[in-house]
Amino acid sequence: CDFGSATTQVFRPDNSWSAQQRAMLEDQMNRCTTPMYRAPEMVDTWDNSEIGPSVDVWAIGCLLYLLCFNKHPFEDSSNLRIINANYNIPTSDS
């Protein structure tokens, strides 16, 4: 279930969510997703961004990047790089 497609559930964390609720959601995401393909809203649940179909689009973008450039945009799975969408388009070798 790397791409979040195993569920149609949408999560809408907000300031009323307890730390325990966030921890349960994060635990579920840790069990069902690969860090390199996680969207920023999955990495930082305290941002209170909706976790829904857009995370699938992010994961597909990571996959397309991998297919185009033969490397993953977030190979080190750095949370800070993912949150800031910090990636580089490789230059051509030719």
PDB file of N, CA and C in Angstrom:
ATOM      1  N   CYS A   1       0.821  -1.196   0.000  1.00  0.00           N
ATOM      2  CA  CYS A   1       0.000   0.000   0.000  1.00  0.00           C
ATOM      3  C   CYS A   1       0.859   1.252   0.000  1.00  0.00           C
ATOM      4  N   ASP A   2       1.943   1.242  -0.779  1.00  0.00           N
ATOM      5  CA  ASP A   2       2.853   2.379  -0.848  1.00  0.00           C
ATOM      6  C   ASP A   2       2.185   3.692  -1.199  1.00  0.00           C
ATOM      7  N   PHE A   3       1.200   3.662  -2.050  1.00  0.00           N
ATOM      8  CA  PHE A   3       0.646   4.898  -2.571  1.00  0.00           C
ATOM      9  C   PHE A   3      -0.609   5.337  -1.834  1.00  0.00           C
ATOM     10  N   GLY A   4      -0.895   4.754  -0.723  1.00  0.00           N
ATOM     11  CA  GLY A   4      -2.060   5.164   0.041  1.00  0.00           C
ATOM     12  C   GLY A   4      -3.363   4.654  -0.544  1.00  0.00           C
ATOM     13  N   SER A   5      -3.287   3.877  -1.621  1.00  0.00           N
ATOM     14  CA  SER A   5      -4.480   3.428  -2.329  1.00  0.00           C
ATOM     15  C   SER A   5      -5.239   2.337  -1.599  1.00  0.00           C
ATOM     16  N   ALA A   6      -4.670   1.815  -0.525  1.00  0.00           N
ATOM     17  CA  ALA A   6      -5.331   0.733   0.190  1.00  0.00           C
ATOM     18  C   ALA A   6      -6.525   1.232   1.001  1.00  0.00           C
ATOM     19  N   THR A   7      -6.703   2.520   1.051  1.00  0.00           N
ATOM     20  CA  THR A   7      -7.818   3.079   1.809  1.00  0.00           C
ATOM     21  C   THR A   7      -8.424   4.253   1.057  1.00  0.00           C
ATOM     22  N   THR A   8      -9.689   4.453   1.264  1.00  0.00           N
ATOM     23  CA  THR A   8     -10.341   5.635   0.703  1.00  0.00           C
ATOM     24  C   THR A   8     -10.548   6.671   1.799  1.00  0.00           C
ATOM     25  N   GLN A   9     -10.012   6.373   2.963  1.00  0.00           N
ATOM     26  CA  GLN A   9     -10.160   7.253   4.112  1.00  0.00           C
ATOM     27  C   GLN A   9      -9.363   8.541   3.907  1.00  0.00           C
ATOM     28  N   VAL A  10      -9.935   9.653   4.306  1.00  0.00           N
ATOM     29  CA  VAL A  10      -9.257  10.945   4.275  1.00  0.00           C
ATOM     30  C   VAL A  10      -9.092  11.399   5.716  1.00  0.00           C
ATOM     31  N   PHE A  11      -7.882  11.837   6.050  1.00  0.00           N
ATOM     32  CA  PHE A  11      -7.609  12.318   7.405  1.00  0.00           C
ATOM     33  C   PHE A  11      -7.486  13.832   7.365  1.00  0.00           C
ATOM     34  N   ARG A  12      -8.163  14.481   8.286  1.00  0.00           N
ATOM     35  CA  ARG A  12      -8.125  15.942   8.374  1.00  0.00           C
ATOM     36  C   ARG A  12      -7.688  16.353   9.782  1.00  0.00           C
ATOM     37  N   PRO A  13      -6.383  16.225  10.060  1.00  0.00           N
ATOM     38  CA  PRO A  13      -5.937  16.622  11.397  1.00  0.00           C
ATOM     39  C   PRO A  13      -6.148  18.120  11.612  1.00  0.00           C
ATOM     40  N   ASP A  14      -6.478  18.484  12.824  1.00  0.00           N
ATOM     41  CA  ASP A  14      -6.598  19.901  13.168  1.00  0.00           C
ATOM     42  C   ASP A  14      -6.095  20.092  14.594  1.00  0.00           C
ATOM     43  N   ASN A  15      -6.194  21.294  15.086  1.00  0.00           N
ATOM     44  CA  ASN A  15      -5.655  21.602  16.410  1.00  0.00           C
ATOM     45  C   ASN A  15      -6.341  20.842  17.540  1.00  0.00           C
ATOM     46  N   SER A  16      -7.510  20.264  17.277  1.00  0.00           N
ATOM     47  CA  SER A  16      -8.202  19.507  18.326  1.00  0.00           C
ATOM     48  C   SER A  16      -7.655  18.083  18.467  1.00  0.00           C
ATOM     49  N   TRP A  17      -6.834  17.640  17.513  1.00  0.00           N
ATOM     50  CA  TRP A  17      -6.277  16.289  17.585  1.00  0.00           C
ATOM     51  C   TRP A  17      -5.263  16.203  18.721  1.00  0.00           C
ATOM     52  N   SER A  18      -5.343  15.128  19.479  1.00  0.00           N
ATOM     53  CA  SER A  18      -4.379  14.905  20.558  1.00  0.00           C
ATOM     54  C   SER A  18      -3.097  14.305  19.979  1.00  0.00           C
ATOM     55  N   ALA A  19      -2.050  14.343  20.785  1.00  0.00           N
ATOM     56  CA  ALA A  19      -0.783  13.738  20.373  1.00  0.00           C
ATOM     57  C   ALA A  19      -0.968  12.241  20.140  1.00  0.00           C
ATOM     58  N   GLN A  20      -1.848  11.618  20.916  1.00  0.00           N
ATOM     59  CA  GLN A  20      -2.102  10.184  20.762  1.00  0.00           C
ATOM     60  C   GLN A  20      -2.767   9.889  19.412  1.00  0.00           C
ATOM     61  N   GLN A  21      -3.715  10.721  18.993  1.00  0.00           N
ATOM     62  CA  GLN A  21      -4.361  10.524  17.690  1.00  0.00           C
ATOM     63  C   GLN A  21      -3.336  10.646  16.564  1.00  0.00           C
ATOM     64  N   ARG A  22      -2.462  11.646  16.665  1.00  0.00           N
ATOM     65  CA  ARG A  22      -1.429  11.836  15.640  1.00  0.00           C
ATOM     66  C   ARG A  22      -0.466  10.656  15.632  1.00  0.00           C
ATOM     67  N   ALA A  23      -0.099  10.175  16.815  1.00  0.00           N
ATOM     68  CA  ALA A  23       0.819   9.040  16.912  1.00  0.00           C
ATOM     69  C   ALA A  23       0.209   7.793  16.280  1.00  0.00           C
ATOM     70  N   MET A  24      -1.088   7.582  16.481  1.00  0.00           N
ATOM     71  CA  MET A  24      -1.757   6.425  15.872  1.00  0.00           C
ATOM     72  C   MET A  24      -1.765   6.548  14.351  1.00  0.00           C
ATOM     73  N   LEU A  25      -2.035   7.742  13.834  1.00  0.00           N
ATOM     74  CA  LEU A  25      -2.023   7.965  12.393  1.00  0.00           C
ATOM     75  C   LEU A  25      -0.617   7.767  11.838  1.00  0.00           C
ATOM     76  N   GLU A  26       0.385   8.322  12.516  1.00  0.00           N
ATOM     77  CA  GLU A  26       1.770   8.174  12.070  1.00  0.00           C
ATOM     78  C   GLU A  26       2.199   6.716  12.097  1.00  0.00           C
ATOM     79  N   ASP A  27       1.779   5.967  13.110  1.00  0.00           N
ATOM     80  CA  ASP A  27       2.099   4.543  13.189  1.00  0.00           C
ATOM     81  C   ASP A  27       1.494   3.790  12.011  1.00  0.00           C
ATOM     82  N   GLN A  28       0.258   4.114  11.684  1.00  0.00           N
ATOM     83  CA  GLN A  28      -0.398   3.476  10.536  1.00  0.00           C
ATOM     84  C   GLN A  28       0.346   3.801   9.239  1.00  0.00           C
ATOM     85  N   MET A  29       0.744   5.046   9.062  1.00  0.00           N
ATOM     86  CA  MET A  29       1.470   5.424   7.846  1.00  0.00           C
ATOM     87  C   MET A  29       2.838   4.757   7.800  1.00  0.00           C
ATOM     88  N   ASN A  30       3.498   4.622   8.950  1.00  0.00           N
ATOM     89  CA  ASN A  30       4.804   3.963   8.992  1.00  0.00           C
ATOM     90  C   ASN A  30       4.704   2.493   8.602  1.00  0.00           C
ATOM     91  N   ARG A  31       3.590   1.859   8.952  1.00  0.00           N
ATOM     92  CA  ARG A  31       3.405   0.448   8.609  1.00  0.00           C
ATOM     93  C   ARG A  31       3.029   0.243   7.149  1.00  0.00           C
ATOM     94  N   CYS A  32       2.367   1.226   6.548  1.00  0.00           N
ATOM     95  CA  CYS A  32       1.765   1.025   5.225  1.00  0.00           C
ATOM     96  C   CYS A  32       2.404   1.810   4.087  1.00  0.00           C
ATOM     97  N   THR A  33       3.397   2.629   4.375  1.00  0.00           N
ATOM     98  CA  THR A  33       3.989   3.439   3.305  1.00  0.00           C
ATOM     99  C   THR A  33       5.506   3.377   3.357  1.00  0.00           C
ATOM    100  N   THR A  34       6.125   3.731   2.254  1.00  0.00           N
ATOM    101  CA  THR A  34       7.577   3.799   2.155  1.00  0.00           C
ATOM    102  C   THR A  34       7.995   5.257   2.330  1.00  0.00           C
ATOM    103  N   PRO A  35       8.946   5.531   3.227  1.00  0.00           N
ATOM    104  CA  PRO A  35       9.311   6.921   3.512  1.00  0.00           C
ATOM    105  C   PRO A  35       9.637   7.769   2.278  1.00  0.00           C
ATOM    106  N   MET A  36      10.329   7.218   1.310  1.00  0.00           N
ATOM    107  CA  MET A  36      10.722   7.992   0.129  1.00  0.00           C
ATOM    108  C   MET A  36       9.533   8.485  -0.687  1.00  0.00           C
ATOM    109  N   TYR A  37       8.387   7.841  -0.546  1.00  0.00           N
ATOM    110  CA  TYR A  37       7.209   8.186  -1.347  1.00  0.00           C
ATOM    111  C   TYR A  37       6.167   8.986  -0.560  1.00  0.00           C
ATOM    112  N   ARG A  38       6.461   9.291   0.692  1.00  0.00           N
ATOM    113  CA  ARG A  38       5.492  10.014   1.518  1.00  0.00           C
ATOM    114  C   ARG A  38       5.424  11.485   1.126  1.00  0.00           C
ATOM    115  N   ALA A  39       4.210  11.983   1.060  1.00  0.00           N
ATOM    116  CA  ALA A  39       3.984  13.405   0.782  1.00  0.00           C
ATOM    117  C   ALA A  39       4.289  14.218   2.043  1.00  0.00           C
ATOM    118  N   PRO A  40       4.569  15.512   1.880  1.00  0.00           N
ATOM    119  CA  PRO A  40       4.882  16.343   3.050  1.00  0.00           C
ATOM    120  C   PRO A  40       3.827  16.281   4.154  1.00  0.00           C
ATOM    121  N   GLU A  41       2.552  16.215   3.787  1.00  0.00           N
ATOM    122  CA  GLU A  41       1.513  16.172   4.820  1.00  0.00           C
ATOM    123  C   GLU A  41       1.529  14.869   5.611  1.00  0.00           C
ATOM    124  N   MET A  42       2.161  13.830   5.064  1.00  0.00           N
ATOM    125  CA  MET A  42       2.293  12.567   5.786  1.00  0.00           C
ATOM    126  C   MET A  42       3.496  12.598   6.723  1.00  0.00           C
ATOM    127  N   VAL A  43       4.493  13.387   6.362  1.00  0.00           N
ATOM    128  CA  VAL A  43       5.711  13.480   7.165  1.00  0.00           C
ATOM    129  C   VAL A  43       5.487  14.342   8.405  1.00  0.00           C
ATOM    130  N   ASP A  44       4.694  15.400   8.255  1.00  0.00           N
ATOM    131  CA  ASP A  44       4.462  16.337   9.356  1.00  0.00           C
ATOM    132  C   ASP A  44       2.966  16.489   9.614  1.00  0.00           C
ATOM    133  N   THR A  45       2.426  15.627  10.469  1.00  0.00           N
ATOM    134  CA  THR A  45       0.985  15.697  10.745  1.00  0.00           C
ATOM    135  C   THR A  45       0.620  16.910  11.588  1.00  0.00           C
ATOM    136  N   TRP A  46       1.595  17.548  12.204  1.00  0.00           N
ATOM    137  CA  TRP A  46       1.333  18.748  13.006  1.00  0.00           C
ATOM    138  C   TRP A  46       1.062  19.961  12.123  1.00  0.00           C
ATOM    139  N   ASP A  47       1.287  19.829  10.829  1.00  0.00           N
ATOM    140  CA  ASP A  47       0.986  20.908   9.884  1.00  0.00           C
ATOM    141  C   ASP A  47      -0.521  21.031   9.658  1.00  0.00           C
ATOM    142  N   ASN A  48      -1.261  20.001  10.066  1.00  0.00           N
ATOM    143  CA  ASN A  48      -2.726  19.965   9.950  1.00  0.00           C
ATOM    144  C   ASN A  48      -3.226  20.001   8.511  1.00  0.00           C
ATOM    145  N   SER A  49      -2.428  19.508   7.575  1.00  0.00           N
ATOM    146  CA  SER A  49      -2.870  19.417   6.180  1.00  0.00           C
ATOM    147  C   SER A  49      -3.655  18.132   5.973  1.00  0.00           C
ATOM    148  N   GLU A  50      -4.638  18.188   5.105  1.00  0.00           N
ATOM    149  CA  GLU A  50      -5.455  17.014   4.805  1.00  0.00           C
ATOM    150  C   GLU A  50      -4.601  15.927   4.163  1.00  0.00           C
ATOM    151  N   ILE A  51      -4.822  14.702   4.591  1.00  0.00           N
ATOM    152  CA  ILE A  51      -4.132  13.544   4.016  1.00  0.00           C
ATOM    153  C   ILE A  51      -5.183  12.762   3.249  1.00  0.00           C
ATOM    154  N   GLY A  52      -5.132  12.876   1.930  1.00  0.00           N
ATOM    155  CA  GLY A  52      -6.140  12.258   1.076  1.00  0.00           C
ATOM    156  C   GLY A  52      -5.545  11.864  -0.263  1.00  0.00           C
ATOM    157  N   PRO A  53      -6.324  11.944  -1.322  1.00  0.00           N
ATOM    158  CA  PRO A  53      -5.868  11.516  -2.648  1.00  0.00           C
ATOM    159  C   PRO A  53      -4.620  12.236  -3.155  1.00  0.00           C
ATOM    160  N   SER A  54      -4.366  13.440  -2.683  1.00  0.00           N
ATOM    161  CA  SER A  54      -3.189  14.171  -3.161  1.00  0.00           C
ATOM    162  C   SER A  54      -1.885  13.465  -2.804  1.00  0.00           C
ATOM    163  N   VAL A  55      -1.885  12.647  -1.739  1.00  0.00           N
ATOM    164  CA  VAL A  55      -0.659  11.920  -1.398  1.00  0.00           C
ATOM    165  C   VAL A  55      -0.345  10.870  -2.460  1.00  0.00           C
ATOM    166  N   ASP A  56      -1.369  10.356  -3.127  1.00  0.00           N
ATOM    167  CA  ASP A  56      -1.148   9.412  -4.221  1.00  0.00           C
ATOM    168  C   ASP A  56      -0.497  10.115  -5.407  1.00  0.00           C
ATOM    169  N   VAL A  57      -0.915  11.341  -5.680  1.00  0.00           N
ATOM    170  CA  VAL A  57      -0.335  12.120  -6.779  1.00  0.00           C
ATOM    171  C   VAL A  57       1.141  12.390  -6.489  1.00  0.00           C
ATOM    172  N   TRP A  58       1.459  12.729  -5.248  1.00  0.00           N
ATOM    173  CA  TRP A  58       2.853  12.964  -4.854  1.00  0.00           C
ATOM    174  C   TRP A  58       3.677  11.695  -5.095  1.00  0.00           C
ATOM    175  N   ALA A  59       3.173  10.552  -4.660  1.00  0.00           N
ATOM    176  CA  ALA A  59       3.896   9.286  -4.808  1.00  0.00           C
ATOM    177  C   ALA A  59       4.096   8.937  -6.279  1.00  0.00           C
ATOM    178  N   ILE A  60       3.096   9.185  -7.099  1.00  0.00           N
ATOM    179  CA  ILE A  60       3.238   8.931  -8.537  1.00  0.00           C
ATOM    180  C   ILE A  60       4.293   9.861  -9.123  1.00  0.00           C
ATOM    181  N   GLY A  61       4.334  11.107  -8.655  1.00  0.00           N
ATOM    182  CA  GLY A  61       5.376  12.036  -9.097  1.00  0.00           C
ATOM    183  C   GLY A  61       6.761  11.519  -8.756  1.00  0.00           C
ATOM    184  N   CYS A  62       6.918  10.953  -7.570  1.00  0.00           N
ATOM    185  CA  CYS A  62       8.207  10.365  -7.176  1.00  0.00           C
ATOM    186  C   CYS A  62       8.563   9.203  -8.095  1.00  0.00           C
ATOM    187  N   LEU A  63       7.575   8.395  -8.421  1.00  0.00           N
ATOM    188  CA  LEU A  63       7.799   7.258  -9.312  1.00  0.00           C
ATOM    189  C   LEU A  63       8.174   7.725 -10.717  1.00  0.00           C
ATOM    190  N   LEU A  64       7.500   8.737 -11.225  1.00  0.00           N
ATOM    191  CA  LEU A  64       7.830   9.279 -12.550  1.00  0.00           C
ATOM    192  C   LEU A  64       9.239   9.862 -12.571  1.00  0.00           C
ATOM    193  N   TYR A  65       9.627  10.548 -11.510  1.00  0.00           N
ATOM    194  CA  TYR A  65      10.984  11.084 -11.394  1.00  0.00           C
ATOM    195  C   TYR A  65      11.990   9.933 -11.476  1.00  0.00           C
ATOM    196  N   LEU A  66      11.720   8.870 -10.738  1.00  0.00           N
ATOM    197  CA  LEU A  66      12.588   7.697 -10.744  1.00  0.00           C
ATOM    198  C   LEU A  66      12.705   7.101 -12.144  1.00  0.00           C
ATOM    199  N   LEU A  67      11.594   6.995 -12.841  1.00  0.00           N
ATOM    200  CA  LEU A  67      11.612   6.445 -14.197  1.00  0.00           C
ATOM    201  C   LEU A  67      12.366   7.345 -15.172  1.00  0.00           C
ATOM    202  N   CYS A  68      12.245   8.641 -15.009  1.00  0.00           N
ATOM    203  CA  CYS A  68      12.896   9.589 -15.927  1.00  0.00           C
ATOM    204  C   CYS A  68      14.390   9.740 -15.666  1.00  0.00           C
ATOM    205  N   PHE A  69      14.796   9.718 -14.403  1.00  0.00           N
ATOM    206  CA  PHE A  69      16.183  10.046 -14.059  1.00  0.00           C
ATOM    207  C   PHE A  69      16.956   8.898 -13.423  1.00  0.00           C
ATOM    208  N   ASN A  70      16.332   7.742 -13.301  1.00  0.00           N
ATOM    209  CA  ASN A  70      16.982   6.548 -12.769  1.00  0.00           C
ATOM    210  C   ASN A  70      17.512   6.741 -11.340  1.00  0.00           C
ATOM    211  N   LYS A  71      16.903   7.620 -10.608  1.00  0.00           N
ATOM    212  CA  LYS A  71      17.206   7.801  -9.185  1.00  0.00           C
ATOM    213  C   LYS A  71      15.989   8.438  -8.534  1.00  0.00           C
ATOM    214  N   HIS A  72      15.862   8.233  -7.250  1.00  0.00           N
ATOM    215  CA  HIS A  72      14.701   8.753  -6.526  1.00  0.00           C
ATOM    216  C   HIS A  72      14.970  10.188  -6.079  1.00  0.00           C
ATOM    217  N   PRO A  73      13.962  11.064  -6.123  1.00  0.00           N
ATOM    218  CA  PRO A  73      14.203  12.446  -5.692  1.00  0.00           C
ATOM    219  C   PRO A  73      14.528  12.571  -4.200  1.00  0.00           C
ATOM    220  N   PHE A  74      14.135  11.584  -3.403  1.00  0.00           N
ATOM    221  CA  PHE A  74      14.377  11.634  -1.962  1.00  0.00           C
ATOM    222  C   PHE A  74      15.001  10.322  -1.496  1.00  0.00           C
ATOM    223  N   GLU A  75      16.135   9.949  -2.095  1.00  0.00           N
ATOM    224  CA  GLU A  75      16.768   8.662  -1.793  1.00  0.00           C
ATOM    225  C   GLU A  75      17.108   8.504  -0.317  1.00  0.00           C
ATOM    226  N   ASP A  76      17.451   9.606   0.328  1.00  0.00           N
ATOM    227  CA  ASP A  76      17.832   9.516   1.737  1.00  0.00           C
ATOM    228  C   ASP A  76      16.626   9.561   2.678  1.00  0.00           C
ATOM    229  N   SER A  77      15.432   9.704   2.120  1.00  0.00           N
ATOM    230  CA  SER A  77      14.180   9.768   2.893  1.00  0.00           C
ATOM    231  C   SER A  77      14.209  10.866   3.952  1.00  0.00           C
ATOM    232  N   SER A  78      14.953  11.934   3.698  1.00  0.00           N
ATOM    233  CA  SER A  78      15.065  13.039   4.647  1.00  0.00           C
ATOM    234  C   SER A  78      13.727  13.759   4.790  1.00  0.00           C
ATOM    235  N   ASN A  79      13.203  13.764   6.003  1.00  0.00           N
ATOM    236  CA  ASN A  79      11.918  14.424   6.243  1.00  0.00           C
ATOM    237  C   ASN A  79      11.957  15.896   5.869  1.00  0.00           C
ATOM    238  N   LEU A  80      13.045  16.572   6.196  1.00  0.00           N
ATOM    239  CA  LEU A  80      13.144  17.998   5.900  1.00  0.00           C
ATOM    240  C   LEU A  80      13.151  18.249   4.396  1.00  0.00           C
ATOM    241  N   ARG A  81      13.860  17.421   3.641  1.00  0.00           N
ATOM    242  CA  ARG A  81      13.868  17.570   2.182  1.00  0.00           C
ATOM    243  C   ARG A  81      12.483  17.310   1.605  1.00  0.00           C
ATOM    244  N   ILE A  82      11.780  16.334   2.132  1.00  0.00           N
ATOM    245  CA  ILE A  82      10.431  16.029   1.640  1.00  0.00           C
ATOM    246  C   ILE A  82       9.474  17.168   1.981  1.00  0.00           C
ATOM    247  N   ILE A  83       9.506  17.645   3.215  1.00  0.00           N
ATOM    248  CA  ILE A  83       8.612  18.734   3.628  1.00  0.00           C
ATOM    249  C   ILE A  83       8.810  19.974   2.765  1.00  0.00           C
ATOM    250  N   ASN A  84      10.070  20.267   2.418  1.00  0.00           N
ATOM    251  CA  ASN A  84      10.382  21.452   1.614  1.00  0.00           C
ATOM    252  C   ASN A  84      10.387  21.169   0.118  1.00  0.00           C
ATOM    253  N   ALA A  85      10.048  19.936  -0.284  1.00  0.00           N
ATOM    254  CA  ALA A  85      10.097  19.526  -1.692  1.00  0.00           C
ATOM    255  C   ALA A  85      11.441  19.906  -2.299  1.00  0.00           C
ATOM    256  N   ASN A  86      12.506  19.607  -1.573  1.00  0.00           N
ATOM    257  CA  ASN A  86      13.864  19.958  -1.981  1.00  0.00           C
ATOM    258  C   ASN A  86      14.470  18.819  -2.799  1.00  0.00           C
ATOM    259  N   TYR A  87      14.385  18.937  -4.102  1.00  0.00           N
ATOM    260  CA  TYR A  87      14.967  17.955  -5.009  1.00  0.00           C
ATOM    261  C   TYR A  87      15.571  18.704  -6.187  1.00  0.00           C
ATOM    262  N   ASN A  88      16.429  18.025  -6.932  1.00  0.00           N
ATOM    263  CA  ASN A  88      17.075  18.631  -8.091  1.00  0.00           C
ATOM    264  C   ASN A  88      16.787  17.815  -9.336  1.00  0.00           C
ATOM    265  N   ILE A  89      16.640  18.507 -10.452  1.00  0.00           N
ATOM    266  CA  ILE A  89      16.524  17.830 -11.741  1.00  0.00           C
ATOM    267  C   ILE A  89      17.952  17.606 -12.239  1.00  0.00           C
ATOM    268  N   PRO A  90      18.359  16.347 -12.445  1.00  0.00           N
ATOM    269  CA  PRO A  90      19.723  16.081 -12.909  1.00  0.00           C
ATOM    270  C   PRO A  90      19.987  16.715 -14.273  1.00  0.00           C
ATOM    271  N   THR A  91      21.225  17.134 -14.462  1.00  0.00           N
ATOM    272  CA  THR A  91      21.616  17.682 -15.757  1.00  0.00           C
ATOM    273  C   THR A  91      21.958  16.540 -16.694  1.00  0.00           C
ATOM    274  N   SER A  92      21.865  16.790 -17.975  1.00  0.00           N
ATOM    275  CA  SER A  92      22.151  15.767 -18.978  1.00  0.00           C
ATOM    276  C   SER A  92      23.648  15.518 -19.059  1.00  0.00           C
ATOM    277  N   ASP A  93      24.036  14.255 -19.222  1.00  0.00           N
ATOM    278  CA  ASP A  93      25.448  13.891 -19.352  1.00  0.00           C
ATOM    279  C   ASP A  93      25.956  14.019 -20.776  1.00  0.00           C
ATOM    280  N   SER A  94      25.067  14.208 -21.742  1.00  0.00           N
ATOM    281  CA  SER A  94      25.503  14.218 -23.140  1.00  0.00           C
ATOM    282  C   SER A  94      25.920  15.568 -23.627  1.00  0.00           C
TER     283      SER A  94
END
